Amino acid sequence: MTDLIAESQEALRQERLEALARRWGPWALLAAVAVVLGVVAWQGWAAADRAAREARTGAYIAAAEEGPGALAAAADSLGPLAPLARLTAGEPLDE
């Protein structure tokens, strides 16, 4: 008798689990895909940003090795490094 009750309880649990999976399974899968796509997008943006910063730094170093005139000429293309380039070239910042 207890085997019959245990089997029926197990079957009921299995049916409930299947109903839960049918109802929420697609949403859970969608959430997992959204998280993966979000992480991929974030990593792509970070890599592009890092590459742009490295390019600006390389341009700053190349201009600094050429001298103050090259730094002053390249200051506008250096983005956030422009104030540093102007200071290194001897230009005032308020221009």
Foldseek 3Di string as FASTA:
>chain_A
DVVVVVVVVVVVVVVVVVVCCVVCVVVVVVVVVVVVVVVVVVVVVVVVVVVLLVVLVVLCVVQVVVHLVSLQVCLVVSVPCNVVSCVRSPHDPVD
